[in-house]
Amino acid sequence: MRERAAPTARAVRLGPLLLEAIRFRTVEGNEQARLDQQQWLLRTAQSLGLTARDAGSVTEIELPGPAGAPILGLVVHGDVQPVDEKQWTVPPFAGIERDGSVYGRGAADDKGPLVQALLAMHAIRDLPRTHTVRLLVGSDEESGRLT
């Protein structure tokens, strides 16, 4: 029998942050959910030692490099497609972890990659960098409008 490896500190953090992100009902037209998620992003980035700013419908999260350094841009979106909740076996915005998997609207597209990017930036924050890393989190990719 093979034992499962103990999760790293970062892996332990991924699940809870993703569950939090899923709980925002960021479908088109839900401006309050977008604002709530943006405030969560600003607080979470700060808690991870990153710089964050509200840029309207985009949240910019940055890990500064040397002065005048080129920028490595990462782009994700925090909104999701509308959902018919009756067709789900779990509540889509509850954010449920079961047997090591996370279930909820946006877990793979695109809130999972959003949380992964935040944690990757946090993981390298104390390493020397030649670039500034800037994560842009859009809020209307799923609406058909451009941010």
Protein backbone atom coordinates (compact mmCIF):
# COMPACT_ATOMS: atom_id res chain seq x y z
CA MET A 1 0.00 0.00 0.00
CA ARG A 2 1.32 3.41 -0.97
CA GLU A 3 1.03 6.24 1.50
CA ARG A 4 -0.06 9.65 0.46
CA ALA A 5 2.64 12.29 0.90
CA ALA A 6 2.00 14.94 3.50
CA PRO A 7 0.89 18.15 1.78
CA THR A 8 3.28 21.08 1.81
CA ALA A 9 2.33 24.30 3.58
CA ARG A 10 1.52 25.86 0.19
CA ALA A 11 -0.68 22.93 -0.82
CA VAL A 12 -2.59 23.23 2.43
CA ARG A 13 -3.24 26.89 1.64
CA LEU A 14 -4.42 26.28 -1.91
CA GLY A 15 -7.59 24.47 -0.86
CA PRO A 16 -8.89 27.03 1.64
CA LEU A 17 -8.13 29.98 -0.66
CA LEU A 18 -9.83 28.28 -3.60
CA LEU A 19 -12.89 27.49 -1.47
CA GLU A 20 -13.07 31.17 -0.50
CA ALA A 21 -12.77 32.31 -4.13
CA ILE A 22 -15.51 29.95 -5.33
CA ARG A 23 -18.00 31.38 -2.84
CA PHE A 24 -18.20 34.68 -4.72
CA ARG A 25 -21.16 34.52 -7.16
CA THR A 26 -19.29 36.45 -9.80
CA VAL A 27 -21.71 35.97 -12.68
CA GLU A 28 -22.47 38.75 -15.13
CA GLY A 29 -24.57 41.48 -13.54
CA ASN A 30 -23.65 40.67 -9.92
CA GLU A 31 -21.63 43.81 -9.23
CA GLN A 32 -21.66 43.29 -5.46
CA ALA A 33 -20.02 39.87 -5.83
CA ARG A 34 -17.38 41.40 -8.09
CA LEU A 35 -16.66 44.13 -5.54
CA ASP A 36 -16.58 41.63 -2.67
CA GLN A 37 -14.20 39.41 -4.59
CA GLN A 38 -12.00 42.38 -5.43
CA GLN A 39 -11.78 43.36 -1.75
CA TRP A 40 -10.91 39.74 -0.93
CA LEU A 41 -8.18 39.81 -3.60
CA LEU A 42 -6.72 43.03 -2.20
CA ARG A 43 -6.66 41.61 1.36
CA THR A 44 -5.34 38.20 0.27
CA ALA A 45 -2.57 39.69 -1.84
CA GLN A 46 -1.49 41.89 1.04
CA SER A 47 -1.48 38.91 3.43
CA LEU A 48 0.82 37.10 0.97
CA GLY A 49 3.28 40.01 0.88
CA LEU A 50 2.22 41.24 -2.56
CA THR A 51 1.23 44.72 -3.72
CA ALA A 52 -2.35 45.09 -4.96
CA ARG A 53 -4.48 47.86 -6.36
CA ASP A 54 -8.02 48.38 -7.52
CA ALA A 55 -7.93 49.32 -11.20
CA GLY A 56 -11.69 49.37 -11.77
CA SER A 57 -12.92 46.15 -13.32
CA VAL A 58 -9.37 44.76 -13.06
CA THR A 59 -7.42 44.04 -9.91
CA GLU A 60 -3.65 44.39 -10.30
CA ILE A 61 -1.44 42.29 -8.05
CA GLU A 62 2.28 42.81 -8.30
CA LEU A 63 5.56 41.37 -7.14
CA PRO A 64 8.03 44.17 -7.91
CA GLY A 65 11.36 43.46 -9.53
CA PRO A 66 14.30 45.84 -9.77
CA ALA A 67 13.60 49.44 -10.75
CA GLY A 68 12.87 49.64 -14.49
CA ALA A 69 12.62 45.84 -14.81
CA PRO A 70 10.53 44.36 -17.61
CA ILE A 71 7.08 43.12 -16.62
CA LEU A 72 5.96 39.52 -16.80
CA GLY A 73 2.18 39.72 -17.08
CA LEU A 74 -0.19 36.98 -15.94
CA VAL A 75 -3.86 37.27 -16.83
CA VAL A 76 -6.79 35.42 -15.25
CA HIS A 77 -10.45 36.18 -14.69
CA GLY A 78 -12.49 35.99 -11.53
CA ASP A 79 -15.93 35.80 -13.08
CA VAL A 80 -17.81 32.65 -14.06
CA GLN A 81 -20.52 31.55 -16.46
CA PRO A 82 -24.11 31.58 -15.15
CA VAL A 83 -25.21 28.26 -13.71
CA ASP A 84 -28.42 26.28 -13.37
CA GLU A 85 -27.99 25.23 -9.76
CA LYS A 86 -30.55 22.41 -10.10
CA GLN A 87 -28.19 20.60 -12.47
CA TRP A 88 -25.38 20.44 -9.91
CA THR A 89 -24.89 17.63 -7.41
CA VAL A 90 -23.25 20.12 -5.01
CA PRO A 91 -24.18 23.77 -4.56
CA PRO A 92 -22.04 25.52 -7.22
CA PHE A 93 -21.06 28.46 -5.02
CA ALA A 94 -20.61 26.58 -1.74
CA GLY A 95 -17.01 25.60 -2.39
CA ILE A 96 -16.85 22.04 -1.18
CA GLU A 97 -13.76 19.88 -0.63
CA ARG A 98 -14.33 16.16 -0.86
CA ASP A 99 -11.67 13.43 -0.95
CA GLY A 100 -8.93 15.89 -1.92
CA SER A 101 -10.91 17.53 -4.72
CA VAL A 102 -12.57 20.94 -4.73
CA TYR A 103 -16.03 21.32 -6.24
CA GLY A 104 -17.64 24.58 -7.24
CA ARG A 105 -18.23 26.99 -10.09
CA GLY A 106 -14.91 28.34 -11.31
CA ALA A 107 -12.68 25.78 -9.56
CA ALA A 108 -10.89 25.09 -12.86
CA ASP A 109 -11.90 28.14 -14.93
CA ASP A 110 -10.57 30.45 -13.68
CA LYS A 111 -10.54 30.77 -9.91
CA GLY A 112 -8.21 27.79 -9.47
CA PRO A 113 -5.54 29.34 -11.73
CA LEU A 114 -6.11 32.68 -9.97
CA VAL A 115 -5.27 31.18 -6.58
CA GLN A 116 -2.35 29.23 -8.05
CA ALA A 117 -0.89 32.44 -9.50
CA LEU A 118 -1.20 34.20 -6.14
CA LEU A 119 0.56 31.35 -4.37
CA ALA A 120 3.27 31.10 -7.04
CA MET A 121 3.99 34.81 -6.65
CA HIS A 122 4.12 34.38 -2.88
CA ALA A 123 6.49 31.42 -3.24
CA ILE A 124 9.05 33.47 -5.17
CA ARG A 125 8.71 36.77 -3.34
CA ASP A 126 11.98 36.35 -1.42
CA LEU A 127 13.98 35.17 -4.44
CA PRO A 128 16.02 37.54 -6.61
CA ARG A 129 14.04 38.61 -9.67
CA THR A 130 14.96 40.21 -12.96
CA HIS A 131 11.31 41.00 -13.80
CA THR A 132 8.30 42.50 -12.11
CA VAL A 133 5.50 39.94 -12.00
CA ARG A 134 2.06 41.47 -12.47
CA LEU A 135 -1.16 39.46 -12.16
CA LEU A 136 -4.20 41.06 -13.79
CA VAL A 137 -7.52 39.72 -12.57
CA GLY A 138 -10.33 40.66 -14.93
CA SER A 139 -13.97 40.56 -14.01
CA ASP A 140 -15.96 40.29 -17.21
CA GLU A 141 -14.30 37.68 -19.39
CA GLU A 142 -17.42 35.54 -19.23
CA SER A 143 -19.75 38.41 -20.21
CA GLY A 144 -18.59 38.92 -23.77
CA ARG A 145 -17.35 42.43 -22.94
CA LEU A 146 -13.67 43.19 -22.87
CA THR A 147 -12.06 44.48 -19.69
